[in-house]
Amino acid sequence: MASGSGFIRKGAGLALAGVLAAGCTATSSGGDAPPTTAGPKPTATHSAGSSLPAALTGQRPDWKSCPAPEGGQAPGSAWRCATVTVPLDHAKPDGATIRVALVRKEATDRERRLGSLLFNFGGPGASGVEILPRAAGEYAKLGERYDLVSFDPRGVGGSAGVVCRDDAEQDAAERTVDLTPDTPAEEAAFLKDNAAFAAGCARRSGTVLPHTRTTDTARDLDLVRQVLGDEKLHYFGMSYGTELGAAYAHLFPSKVGRLVLDAVVDPTADTAGHARNQTIGFQRALDNYLTSTGQSPKAGTERIARLLRKLDREPLRVGERRLTEGLATTGIAVTLYGQSNWPLLTQALDEAERGDGTRLLQLADWYNDRDESGHYATQSHSQRAISCADSAERPTPGEARALLPEFRRLSPVFGAYLAWDTAGWCAAWPVKGETRDVDASAPGAAPILVVGTTGDPATPYEGAEKMAKELGAGVGVLVTNKGEGHGAYGTSACATRTIDAYFLDGQVPAYGTTCS
């Protein structure tokens, strides 16, 4: 992955069982990638009531069999794919257009069908067209009464997907760029690579880059709702998908049906705030892991930090490649997305300390979407395009350096990585992002479930508390899941039952309902 890519927010319920035995081919129930400093949800730039031409609102999708995703298998015959045409620029609804890719599996109980249920699995940059068919087993109960529908947001995959660099450029960055620079030369190389990444995005995907904002995708969602024939939007958003869901609710409160936001991004945080939240969240999860193994969190953290310092000086050879400090940090982070992954972390750390970095490198490769042939997927490209379009903030190297003492104190393992990421992520970005004047309120909207997990590393629990309050009284309904991992649905039986009852029966839990 390119330098400065941060930790992409993986979708809810990340599971790595089998990733090491079978190479880097594991799948996850959610689909996103490692912690990120993606900017906050922006405000609207024009009226939510902008009228669209009848040629767009009157579309009827041409559902056909789905092709196989890159490197995977085509979904079964129950899954159908289509595209919906949307304005490239929603401020110019009669202008140029792009196509948004959709996937759908119709409700199995047609007599009791409730409508369409749209999913966004996070990232930003995750392909819903690829993920939903793989993850659908977790949503089988919802699929009885809802058409399960997902999509590639604009700038992702089959929806004018952003591409910024090729595999050779990715590999070169991995070999030569230190993600936690310690010298002026390393810092210059770090910033140069980020500028080169941005230039590649402009060269290959310049037309779509100004139009990848979350508010743009929220407007696409409303057009998709109309094209699918739904009076209200029923929506399940995870991780970054909670930002998108909140943006939709703010723009179209009267069209909110049943919305669930799981693994919630803090809507009040700026770039440094997101990085700080993830520094705290990943260290909290690491402390919980260390405690579970009988280690002192302080001593265990220092042990891991010592390993990373050693790798910074002398990366471990793994075949023709090297396990660097940055790749090792990524490999550690990926295991903290779900408690079931913790045994992998124990194995990987033990082996690395004995001089074998294979397992940590495999984990980092899986997270970075690098397959065994050396080919990288482009989710990180899409993620950066969306994040940098969403925020006008462009922190400087000096501002990143100023964060280092605090961030290292908060986490000797993750702090420096995330502090430097604030300056690298949108450095030299060719498109000006939206301002940071955030309003997540949704007055008049139906109740929205806001589900936070207390041990969530990537979107710490406090973000759910803030989101519920920002949505407004009577709208945001906080549900607390006392547990570990990124996302509650499918990992907590109590939270799953609560969400199912809301989606299927309209049962709104009491504010502050807690699942243990």
Protein backbone atom coordinates (compact mmCIF):
# COMPACT_ATOMS: atom_id res chain seq x y z
CA MET A 1 0.00 0.00 0.00
CA ALA A 2 1.13 3.53 -0.62
CA SER A 3 2.77 5.41 2.18
CA GLY A 4 0.45 7.49 4.28
CA SER A 5 -2.47 5.18 3.58
CA GLY A 6 -3.25 4.85 7.25
CA PHE A 7 -5.31 2.01 8.64
CA ILE A 8 -8.42 1.62 6.49
CA ARG A 9 -11.48 0.86 8.57
CA LYS A 10 -12.29 -2.77 7.92
CA GLY A 11 -15.95 -3.72 7.83
CA ALA A 12 -17.71 -5.16 10.83
CA GLY A 13 -16.89 -8.66 12.01
CA LEU A 14 -13.46 -9.07 10.40
CA ALA A 15 -12.40 -12.71 10.72
CA LEU A 16 -8.98 -14.03 9.71
CA ALA A 17 -9.46 -17.76 10.29
CA GLY A 18 -7.54 -19.56 7.58
CA VAL A 19 -5.66 -16.55 6.26
CA LEU A 20 -2.28 -18.00 7.15
CA ALA A 21 -3.00 -21.56 6.18
CA ALA A 22 -4.36 -20.56 2.78
CA GLY A 23 -2.15 -17.59 1.99
CA CYS A 24 -3.83 -14.20 1.78
CA THR A 25 -7.24 -15.32 0.57
CA ALA A 26 -9.42 -15.00 3.65
CA THR A 27 -12.73 -13.22 3.36
CA SER A 28 -14.48 -11.04 5.90
CA SER A 29 -18.07 -10.45 6.72
CA GLY A 30 -17.60 -6.82 6.26
CA GLY A 31 -15.03 -5.63 3.79
CA ASP A 32 -13.02 -2.67 4.26
CA ALA A 33 -9.05 -2.57 5.14
CA PRO A 34 -6.12 -0.98 8.33
CA PRO A 35 -6.92 2.37 11.37
CA THR A 36 -7.46 5.54 9.07
CA THR A 37 -7.55 9.25 9.46
CA ALA A 38 -10.32 9.72 6.93
CA GLY A 39 -11.99 13.08 7.27
CA PRO A 40 -15.39 13.71 8.82
CA LYS A 41 -18.74 13.74 7.10
CA PRO A 42 -19.11 17.03 5.24
CA THR A 43 -22.12 19.22 4.98
CA ALA A 44 -24.24 19.67 1.90
CA THR A 45 -23.08 22.03 -0.80
CA HIS A 46 -26.51 22.50 -2.37
CA SER A 47 -30.10 21.81 -1.56
CA ALA A 48 -31.13 18.24 -0.81
CA GLY A 49 -34.25 18.98 -2.76
CA SER A 50 -32.45 19.47 -6.09
CA SER A 51 -34.69 17.97 -8.74
CA LEU A 52 -33.38 15.24 -11.01
CA PRO A 53 -34.42 14.68 -14.60
CA ALA A 54 -37.19 12.15 -15.18
CA ALA A 55 -34.76 10.17 -17.32
CA LEU A 56 -32.82 9.44 -14.13
CA THR A 57 -35.63 8.98 -11.61
CA GLY A 58 -37.59 6.84 -14.07
CA GLN A 59 -34.82 4.31 -14.70
CA ARG A 60 -35.54 0.61 -14.39
CA PRO A 61 -32.43 -1.47 -13.68
CA ASP A 62 -31.65 -4.25 -16.14
CA TRP A 63 -30.82 -7.05 -13.70
CA LYS A 64 -28.48 -9.67 -15.15
CA SER A 65 -26.24 -12.46 -13.87
CA CYS A 66 -23.20 -11.11 -12.01
CA PRO A 67 -19.66 -11.49 -13.36
CA ALA A 68 -16.92 -12.88 -11.14
CA PRO A 69 -15.06 -10.21 -9.14
CA GLU A 70 -11.34 -9.84 -9.70
CA GLY A 71 -9.62 -12.88 -8.25
CA GLY A 72 -12.89 -14.46 -7.09
CA GLN A 73 -15.88 -16.50 -8.15
CA ALA A 74 -19.17 -15.27 -9.52
CA PRO A 75 -22.01 -15.33 -6.96
CA GLY A 76 -24.81 -17.86 -7.34
CA SER A 77 -27.79 -17.48 -9.65
CA ALA A 78 -29.88 -15.84 -6.91
CA TRP A 79 -27.69 -12.74 -7.22
CA ARG A 80 -28.32 -10.23 -9.99
CA CYS A 81 -26.33 -7.17 -10.97
CA ALA A 82 -27.28 -3.89 -12.65
CA THR A 83 -26.20 -0.28 -12.93
CA VAL A 84 -27.99 2.99 -12.22
CA THR A 85 -27.05 6.21 -13.99
CA VAL A 86 -26.36 9.16 -11.67
CA PRO A 87 -25.13 12.73 -12.27
CA LEU A 88 -21.38 13.12 -12.13
CA ASP A 89 -22.04 16.46 -10.42
CA HIS A 90 -25.30 16.61 -8.48
CA ALA A 91 -25.18 20.40 -8.76
CA LYS A 92 -25.57 19.88 -12.52
CA PRO A 93 -28.20 17.12 -12.73
CA ASP A 94 -28.61 17.56 -16.49
CA GLY A 95 -24.88 17.27 -17.14
CA ALA A 96 -22.43 14.40 -17.44
CA THR A 97 -23.27 11.09 -15.79
CA ILE A 98 -21.58 7.99 -14.38
CA ARG A 99 -22.93 4.54 -13.56
CA VAL A 100 -23.27 3.09 -10.07
CA ALA A 101 -22.96 -0.70 -9.85
CA LEU A 102 -25.58 -2.63 -7.84
CA VAL A 103 -26.04 -6.22 -6.67
CA ARG A 104 -29.31 -7.69 -5.36
CA LYS A 105 -30.78 -10.89 -3.95
CA GLU A 106 -34.55 -10.79 -3.75
CA ALA A 107 -36.40 -11.51 -0.50
CA THR A 108 -37.20 -15.19 -0.07
CA ASP A 109 -40.56 -14.53 1.62
CA ARG A 110 -42.18 -12.47 -1.12
CA GLU A 111 -45.58 -12.27 0.61
CA ARG A 112 -44.07 -10.50 3.64
CA ARG A 113 -41.46 -8.46 1.77
CA LEU A 114 -40.65 -5.12 3.43
CA GLY A 115 -38.67 -3.54 0.59
CA SER A 116 -34.98 -3.15 -0.20
CA LEU A 117 -32.25 -3.10 2.46
CA LEU A 118 -29.10 -1.34 1.25
CA PHE A 119 -25.68 -2.08 2.75
CA ASN A 120 -22.44 -0.15 2.93
CA PHE A 121 -19.58 -2.12 4.48
CA GLY A 122 -17.21 0.76 5.07
CA GLY A 123 -13.73 1.74 4.00
CA PRO A 124 -14.41 4.14 2.51
CA GLY A 125 -13.73 2.25 -0.68
CA ALA A 126 -15.18 -1.19 0.00
CA SER A 127 -17.00 -2.80 -2.93
CA GLY A 128 -20.48 -3.76 -1.82
CA VAL A 129 -21.02 -5.59 -5.10
CA GLU A 130 -18.19 -7.94 -4.17
CA ILE A 131 -18.76 -8.16 -0.42
CA LEU A 132 -22.50 -8.66 0.01
CA PRO A 133 -22.74 -12.01 -1.82
CA ARG A 134 -19.82 -13.33 0.27
CA ALA A 135 -21.26 -12.02 3.53
CA ALA A 136 -24.94 -12.73 2.86
CA GLY A 137 -25.07 -15.76 5.12
CA GLU A 138 -24.87 -13.43 8.11
CA TYR A 139 -27.92 -11.55 6.87
CA ALA A 140 -30.05 -14.56 5.87
CA LYS A 141 -32.75 -13.70 8.39
CA LEU A 142 -33.02 -10.15 7.04
CA GLY A 143 -32.99 -11.58 3.52
CA GLU A 144 -36.25 -13.38 4.13
CA ARG A 145 -38.23 -10.14 4.09
CA TYR A 146 -35.87 -7.67 2.41
CA ASP A 147 -34.23 -7.61 -0.97
CA LEU A 148 -30.56 -7.49 0.05
CA VAL A 149 -28.90 -4.77 -2.03
CA SER A 150 -25.43 -3.29 -2.07
CA PHE A 151 -23.45 -1.08 -4.40
CA ASP A 152 -20.04 0.26 -5.26
CA PRO A 153 -20.05 3.92 -4.15
CA ARG A 154 -18.87 6.42 -6.74
CA GLY A 155 -15.10 6.20 -7.10
CA VAL A 156 -15.11 2.51 -6.13
CA GLY A 157 -14.84 -0.61 -8.26
CA GLY A 158 -17.58 -0.74 -10.88
CA SER A 159 -18.73 2.83 -10.19
CA ALA A 160 -16.07 4.94 -11.94
CA GLY A 161 -13.47 3.38 -9.65
CA VAL A 162 -10.42 5.51 -8.87
CA VAL A 163 -7.00 4.14 -9.84
CA CYS A 164 -3.83 5.93 -8.74
CA ARG A 165 -0.82 3.65 -9.26
CA ASP A 166 0.18 0.24 -10.55
CA ASP A 167 1.56 -2.79 -8.73
CA ALA A 168 5.19 -1.92 -9.42
CA GLU A 169 4.71 1.55 -7.92
CA GLN A 170 2.99 0.02 -4.88
CA ASP A 171 5.84 -2.42 -4.36
CA ALA A 172 8.43 0.32 -4.74
CA ALA A 173 6.71 2.38 -2.06
CA GLU A 174 6.59 -0.62 0.25
CA ARG A 175 10.32 -1.18 -0.16
CA THR A 176 11.54 2.39 0.10
CA VAL A 177 9.14 4.51 2.17
CA ASP A 178 9.25 4.63 5.96
CA LEU A 179 5.76 5.38 7.30
CA THR A 180 7.20 6.74 10.57
CA PRO A 181 10.10 8.87 9.29
CA ASP A 182 12.89 9.59 11.75
CA THR A 183 15.28 11.64 9.59
CA PRO A 184 14.90 14.53 7.14
CA ALA A 185 15.68 12.15 4.25
CA GLU A 186 13.00 9.67 5.34
CA GLU A 187 10.51 12.48 5.80
CA ALA A 188 11.25 13.85 2.32
CA ALA A 189 10.77 10.38 0.78
CA PHE A 190 7.51 9.92 2.69
CA LEU A 191 6.09 13.21 1.41
CA LYS A 192 7.42 12.68 -2.12
CA ASP A 193 5.66 9.33 -2.36
CA ASN A 194 2.38 10.76 -1.15
CA ALA A 195 2.62 13.55 -3.71
CA ALA A 196 3.34 10.97 -6.42
CA PHE A 197 0.30 8.96 -5.35
CA ALA A 198 -1.90 12.06 -5.58
CA ALA A 199 -0.49 12.93 -9.00
CA GLY A 200 -1.25 9.42 -10.20
CA CYS A 201 -4.85 9.77 -9.05
CA ALA A 202 -5.19 13.05 -10.96
CA ARG A 203 -3.63 11.58 -14.08
CA ARG A 204 -5.68 8.38 -14.15
CA SER A 205 -8.97 9.44 -12.49
CA GLY A 206 -9.07 13.22 -12.61
CA THR A 207 -12.63 13.47 -13.92
CA VAL A 208 -14.24 11.75 -10.96
CA LEU A 209 -11.94 12.99 -8.15
CA PRO A 210 -13.87 16.23 -7.45
CA HIS A 211 -17.11 14.25 -7.11
CA THR A 212 -16.30 11.45 -4.64
CA ARG A 213 -17.61 13.18 -1.51
CA THR A 214 -19.80 11.33 0.93
CA THR A 215 -22.58 13.83 0.25
CA ASP A 216 -22.38 12.92 -3.45
CA THR A 217 -22.82 9.25 -2.60
CA ALA A 218 -25.68 10.07 -0.22
CA ARG A 219 -27.47 11.74 -3.12
CA ASP A 220 -26.77 8.67 -5.26
CA LEU A 221 -28.37 6.58 -2.51
CA ASP A 222 -31.55 8.58 -2.72
CA LEU A 223 -31.71 8.15 -6.48
CA VAL A 224 -31.11 4.41 -6.06
CA ARG A 225 -33.95 4.33 -3.52
CA GLN A 226 -36.30 5.89 -6.05
CA VAL A 227 -35.18 3.62 -8.87
CA LEU A 228 -35.73 0.55 -6.68
CA GLY A 229 -39.25 1.76 -5.97
CA ASP A 230 -38.89 2.28 -2.21
CA GLU A 231 -40.76 5.08 -0.45
CA LYS A 232 -38.16 5.15 2.35
CA LEU A 233 -34.52 4.12 2.55
CA HIS A 234 -33.81 1.07 4.70
CA TYR A 235 -30.06 0.97 5.26
CA PHE A 236 -27.37 -0.91 7.19
CA GLY A 237 -24.07 1.00 7.42
CA MET A 238 -20.89 -0.23 9.06
CA SER A 239 -17.75 1.75 9.90
CA TYR A 240 -17.45 4.44 7.18
CA GLY A 241 -20.95 3.34 6.20
CA THR A 242 -22.13 5.08 9.37
CA GLU A 243 -20.81 8.39 8.00
CA LEU A 244 -22.69 7.77 4.78
CA GLY A 245 -25.88 6.82 6.61
CA ALA A 246 -25.69 9.93 8.78
CA ALA A 247 -25.07 12.10 5.71
CA TYR A 248 -28.15 10.64 4.07
CA ALA A 249 -30.28 11.22 7.16
CA HIS A 250 -29.12 14.83 7.36
CA LEU A 251 -29.89 15.50 3.69
CA PHE A 252 -33.10 13.48 3.42
CA PRO A 253 -34.61 13.12 6.92
CA SER A 254 -38.14 12.58 5.59
CA LYS A 255 -36.94 9.60 3.55
CA VAL A 256 -35.33 7.74 6.44
CA GLY A 257 -36.90 4.32 6.91
CA ARG A 258 -35.09 1.85 9.17
CA LEU A 259 -31.42 2.79 9.47
CA VAL A 260 -28.74 1.05 11.53
CA LEU A 261 -25.25 2.49 12.07
CA ASP A 262 -22.84 -0.13 13.48
CA ALA A 263 -19.17 0.59 14.40
CA VAL A 264 -19.72 4.32 14.39
CA VAL A 265 -17.32 7.03 13.23
CA ASP A 266 -17.16 10.11 15.47
CA PRO A 267 -18.94 12.84 13.47
CA THR A 268 -17.36 15.63 15.52
CA ALA A 269 -13.67 14.74 14.99
CA ASP A 270 -11.28 16.52 12.63
CA THR A 271 -8.30 14.81 10.98
CA ALA A 272 -6.13 14.87 14.09
CA GLY A 273 -9.15 13.87 16.17
CA HIS A 274 -9.79 10.77 14.05
CA ALA A 275 -6.13 9.81 14.33
CA ARG A 276 -6.23 10.38 18.09
CA ASN A 277 -9.41 8.30 18.43
CA GLN A 278 -7.82 5.40 16.57
CA THR A 279 -4.60 5.66 18.52
CA ILE A 280 -6.63 5.31 21.71
CA GLY A 281 -8.89 2.61 20.26
CA PHE A 282 -6.16 0.35 18.91
CA GLN A 283 -4.10 0.67 22.09
CA ARG A 284 -7.20 -0.15 24.13
CA ALA A 285 -7.77 -3.28 22.06
CA LEU A 286 -4.09 -4.21 22.34
CA ASP A 287 -4.26 -3.80 26.12
CA ASN A 288 -7.30 -6.07 26.23
CA TYR A 289 -5.48 -8.66 24.11
CA LEU A 290 -2.39 -8.54 26.33
CA THR A 291 -4.49 -8.88 29.47
CA SER A 292 -6.22 -11.93 27.99
CA THR A 293 -2.83 -13.62 27.57
CA GLY A 294 -1.79 -12.88 31.15
CA GLN A 295 0.64 -10.14 30.20
CA SER A 296 0.86 -6.70 31.71
CA PRO A 297 -0.44 -4.21 29.12
CA LYS A 298 2.48 -1.88 29.85
CA ALA A 299 5.15 -4.57 29.62
CA GLY A 300 3.52 -6.27 26.64
CA THR A 301 3.22 -2.98 24.77
CA GLU A 302 6.89 -2.21 25.38
CA ARG A 303 7.81 -5.69 24.11
CA ILE A 304 5.95 -5.03 20.84
CA ALA A 305 7.32 -1.48 20.55
CA ARG A 306 10.83 -2.90 20.99
CA LEU A 307 10.20 -5.33 18.12
CA LEU A 308 8.99 -2.48 15.91
CA ARG A 309 12.04 -0.35 16.73
CA LYS A 310 14.26 -3.29 15.75
CA LEU A 311 12.38 -3.70 12.46
CA ASP A 312 12.77 0.03 11.79
CA ARG A 313 16.54 -0.41 12.02
CA GLU A 314 16.73 -3.77 10.26
CA PRO A 315 13.65 -5.23 8.50
CA LEU A 316 13.29 -9.00 8.43
CA ARG A 317 13.87 -10.79 5.16
CA VAL A 318 10.88 -12.84 3.98
CA GLY A 319 11.89 -14.42 0.69
CA GLU A 320 12.48 -11.62 -1.80
CA ARG A 321 10.65 -9.13 0.41
CA ARG A 322 11.13 -7.44 3.78
CA LEU A 323 8.94 -7.09 6.85
CA THR A 324 9.29 -3.41 7.71
CA GLU A 325 8.12 -1.55 10.77
CA GLY A 326 5.12 -0.21 8.83
CA LEU A 327 4.06 -3.63 7.51
CA ALA A 328 4.45 -5.17 10.96
CA THR A 329 2.29 -2.45 12.49
CA THR A 330 -0.36 -3.18 9.87
CA GLY A 331 -0.15 -6.91 10.56
CA ILE A 332 -0.62 -6.32 14.28
CA ALA A 333 -3.55 -3.97 13.70
CA VAL A 334 -5.47 -6.38 11.49
CA THR A 335 -5.69 -8.98 14.25
CA LEU A 336 -7.29 -6.48 16.65
CA TYR A 337 -10.46 -6.13 14.56
CA GLY A 338 -11.93 -9.27 16.13
CA GLN A 339 -11.22 -11.23 19.31
CA SER A 340 -11.18 -14.50 17.38
CA ASN A 341 -8.05 -13.23 15.63
CA TRP A 342 -6.03 -12.76 18.81
CA PRO A 343 -4.34 -16.22 18.70
CA LEU A 344 -2.92 -15.24 15.31
CA LEU A 345 -1.32 -12.20 16.91
CA THR A 346 0.35 -14.36 19.55
CA GLN A 347 1.78 -16.64 16.86
CA ALA A 348 2.88 -13.81 14.61
CA LEU A 349 4.65 -11.90 17.40
CA ASP A 350 6.39 -14.99 18.74
CA GLU A 351 7.66 -15.92 15.27
CA ALA A 352 8.80 -12.38 14.46
CA GLU A 353 10.76 -12.17 17.68
CA ARG A 354 12.50 -15.40 16.62
CA GLY A 355 13.38 -13.83 13.27
CA ASP A 356 10.53 -15.14 11.10
CA GLY A 357 8.34 -12.34 9.75
CA THR A 358 6.29 -14.50 7.38
CA ARG A 359 3.09 -14.47 9.37
CA LEU A 360 3.04 -10.74 10.08
CA LEU A 361 3.76 -10.04 6.41
CA GLN A 362 0.89 -12.31 5.32
CA LEU A 363 -1.44 -10.44 7.64
CA ALA A 364 -0.28 -7.08 6.29
CA ASP A 365 -0.66 -8.31 2.71
CA TRP A 366 -4.20 -9.43 3.37
CA TYR A 367 -5.06 -6.07 4.81
CA ASN A 368 -3.34 -4.23 1.97
CA ASP A 369 -5.23 -6.29 -0.64
CA ARG A 370 -2.01 -7.78 -2.05
CA ASP A 371 -2.37 -11.29 -3.45
CA GLU A 372 0.32 -13.96 -3.76
CA SER A 373 1.18 -12.87 -7.30
CA GLY A 374 1.97 -9.34 -6.10
CA HIS A 375 -1.18 -7.72 -7.46
CA TYR A 376 -2.88 -5.06 -5.35
CA ALA A 377 -6.56 -4.19 -5.40
CA THR A 378 -7.46 -0.50 -5.53
CA GLN A 379 -9.58 -0.05 -2.40
CA SER A 380 -6.91 2.15 -0.83
CA HIS A 381 -7.01 4.38 -3.92
CA SER A 382 -10.77 4.83 -3.62
CA GLN A 383 -10.52 5.37 0.11
CA ARG A 384 -8.08 8.21 -0.24
CA ALA A 385 -10.12 9.84 -3.00
CA ILE A 386 -13.25 9.82 -0.84
CA SER A 387 -11.48 10.88 2.35
CA CYS A 388 -9.61 13.78 0.76
CA ALA A 389 -12.71 15.00 -1.06
CA ASP A 390 -14.59 14.97 2.24
CA SER A 391 -12.18 17.20 4.17
CA ALA A 392 -10.46 20.46 3.31
CA GLU A 393 -7.86 19.87 6.03
CA ARG A 394 -4.30 19.37 4.82
CA PRO A 395 -2.12 19.01 7.94
CA THR A 396 1.53 19.89 7.46
CA PRO A 397 4.56 17.79 8.44
CA GLY A 398 5.18 20.27 11.23
CA GLU A 399 1.69 19.71 12.60
CA ALA A 400 2.22 15.95 12.43
CA ARG A 401 5.52 16.22 14.30
CA ALA A 402 3.77 18.27 16.97
CA LEU A 403 1.37 15.37 17.56
CA LEU A 404 4.13 12.80 18.08
CA PRO A 405 4.77 13.23 21.83
CA GLU A 406 1.08 12.92 22.70
CA PHE A 407 0.40 10.08 20.27
CA ARG A 408 3.45 8.08 21.37
CA ARG A 409 2.32 8.46 24.96
CA LEU A 410 -1.17 7.23 24.03
CA SER A 411 0.27 4.27 22.12
CA PRO A 412 3.95 3.38 21.74
CA VAL A 413 2.86 0.88 19.07
CA PHE A 414 0.41 2.84 16.88
CA GLY A 415 0.95 6.48 17.84
CA ALA A 416 3.77 7.51 15.50
CA TYR A 417 2.17 5.75 12.53
CA LEU A 418 -1.13 7.57 12.97
CA ALA A 419 0.44 10.93 13.79
CA TRP A 420 2.49 10.91 10.58
CA ASP A 421 -0.50 9.71 8.60
CA THR A 422 -2.28 13.00 9.24
CA ALA A 423 0.31 14.78 7.08
CA GLY A 424 0.71 12.04 4.48
CA TRP A 425 -2.84 11.09 3.70
CA CYS A 426 -4.01 14.09 1.66
CA ALA A 427 -0.63 15.69 0.98
CA ALA A 428 -0.55 17.46 -2.39
CA TRP A 429 -4.06 16.26 -3.14
CA PRO A 430 -5.22 17.70 -6.49
CA VAL A 431 -8.79 18.39 -5.35
CA LYS A 432 -9.92 20.80 -2.66
CA GLY A 433 -12.01 19.02 -0.06
CA GLU A 434 -15.24 20.19 1.55
CA THR A 435 -15.10 22.34 4.66
CA ARG A 436 -15.21 20.92 8.16
CA ASP A 437 -18.47 22.59 9.19
CA VAL A 438 -20.20 19.34 10.11
CA ASP A 439 -23.89 19.00 10.90
CA ALA A 440 -25.03 15.43 11.55
CA SER A 441 -28.48 16.39 12.79
CA ALA A 442 -31.52 14.79 11.17
CA PRO A 443 -34.57 16.59 12.56
CA GLY A 444 -37.81 14.80 11.84
CA ALA A 445 -36.15 11.53 10.81
CA ALA A 446 -37.41 8.18 12.07
CA PRO A 447 -35.41 6.60 14.91
CA ILE A 448 -31.92 5.47 13.83
CA LEU A 449 -30.08 2.73 15.74
CA VAL A 450 -26.52 3.73 16.64
CA VAL A 451 -24.55 0.68 17.79
CA GLY A 452 -21.16 1.04 19.47
CA THR A 453 -18.84 -1.70 20.76
CA THR A 454 -16.79 -0.85 23.84
CA GLY A 455 -13.63 -2.63 22.58
CA ASP A 456 -13.83 -1.42 18.97
CA PRO A 457 -10.30 -0.44 17.88
CA ALA A 458 -10.99 1.38 14.62
CA THR A 459 -14.13 3.32 15.54
CA PRO A 460 -13.97 3.62 19.33
CA TYR A 461 -17.20 3.46 21.32
CA GLU A 462 -17.20 7.16 22.15
CA GLY A 463 -17.99 7.90 18.51
CA ALA A 464 -21.34 6.12 18.85
CA GLU A 465 -22.24 8.24 21.86
CA LYS A 466 -21.45 11.41 19.93
CA MET A 467 -23.29 10.29 16.80
CA ALA A 468 -26.46 9.47 18.73
CA LYS A 469 -26.44 12.95 20.27
CA GLU A 470 -25.62 14.69 16.99
CA LEU A 471 -28.51 13.01 15.18
CA GLY A 472 -30.82 14.59 17.72
CA ALA A 473 -33.31 13.71 20.44
CA GLY A 474 -35.77 11.10 19.32
CA VAL A 475 -33.65 10.21 16.29
CA GLY A 476 -30.35 8.73 17.45
CA VAL A 477 -30.94 5.64 19.60
CA LEU A 478 -27.74 4.45 21.29
CA VAL A 479 -27.16 0.71 21.73
CA THR A 480 -24.04 -0.31 23.66
CA ASN A 481 -22.35 -3.63 22.94
CA LYS A 482 -19.91 -4.60 25.68
CA GLY A 483 -17.37 -6.61 23.76
CA GLU A 484 -14.38 -6.65 21.45
CA GLY A 485 -13.98 -6.07 17.74
CA HIS A 486 -15.08 -3.78 14.96
CA GLY A 487 -18.85 -4.08 14.73
CA ALA A 488 -21.50 -5.83 16.77
CA TYR A 489 -23.79 -7.52 14.24
CA GLY A 490 -22.96 -11.19 13.83
CA THR A 491 -20.54 -11.19 16.77
CA SER A 492 -22.89 -10.28 19.62
CA ALA A 493 -26.04 -12.42 19.81
CA CYS A 494 -27.81 -9.72 21.81
CA ALA A 495 -26.92 -6.92 19.42
CA THR A 496 -27.86 -9.07 16.44
CA ARG A 497 -31.29 -9.83 17.94
CA THR A 498 -31.83 -6.15 18.69
CA ILE A 499 -30.96 -5.08 15.15
CA ASP A 500 -33.05 -7.87 13.60
CA ALA A 501 -36.08 -6.91 15.70
CA TYR A 502 -35.70 -3.31 14.56
CA PHE A 503 -35.36 -4.13 10.88
CA LEU A 504 -38.00 -6.87 10.76
CA ASP A 505 -40.58 -5.75 13.31
CA GLY A 506 -39.88 -2.04 13.75
CA GLN A 507 -39.01 -2.53 17.43
CA VAL A 508 -37.02 0.49 18.61
CA PRO A 509 -35.00 -0.32 21.75
CA ALA A 510 -34.74 2.08 24.65
CA TYR A 511 -31.94 4.64 24.38
CA GLY A 512 -28.89 3.22 26.15
CA THR A 513 -29.85 -0.44 25.77
CA THR A 514 -26.79 -2.50 26.67
CA CYS A 515 -25.72 -5.91 25.39
CA SER A 516 -23.16 -7.80 27.47
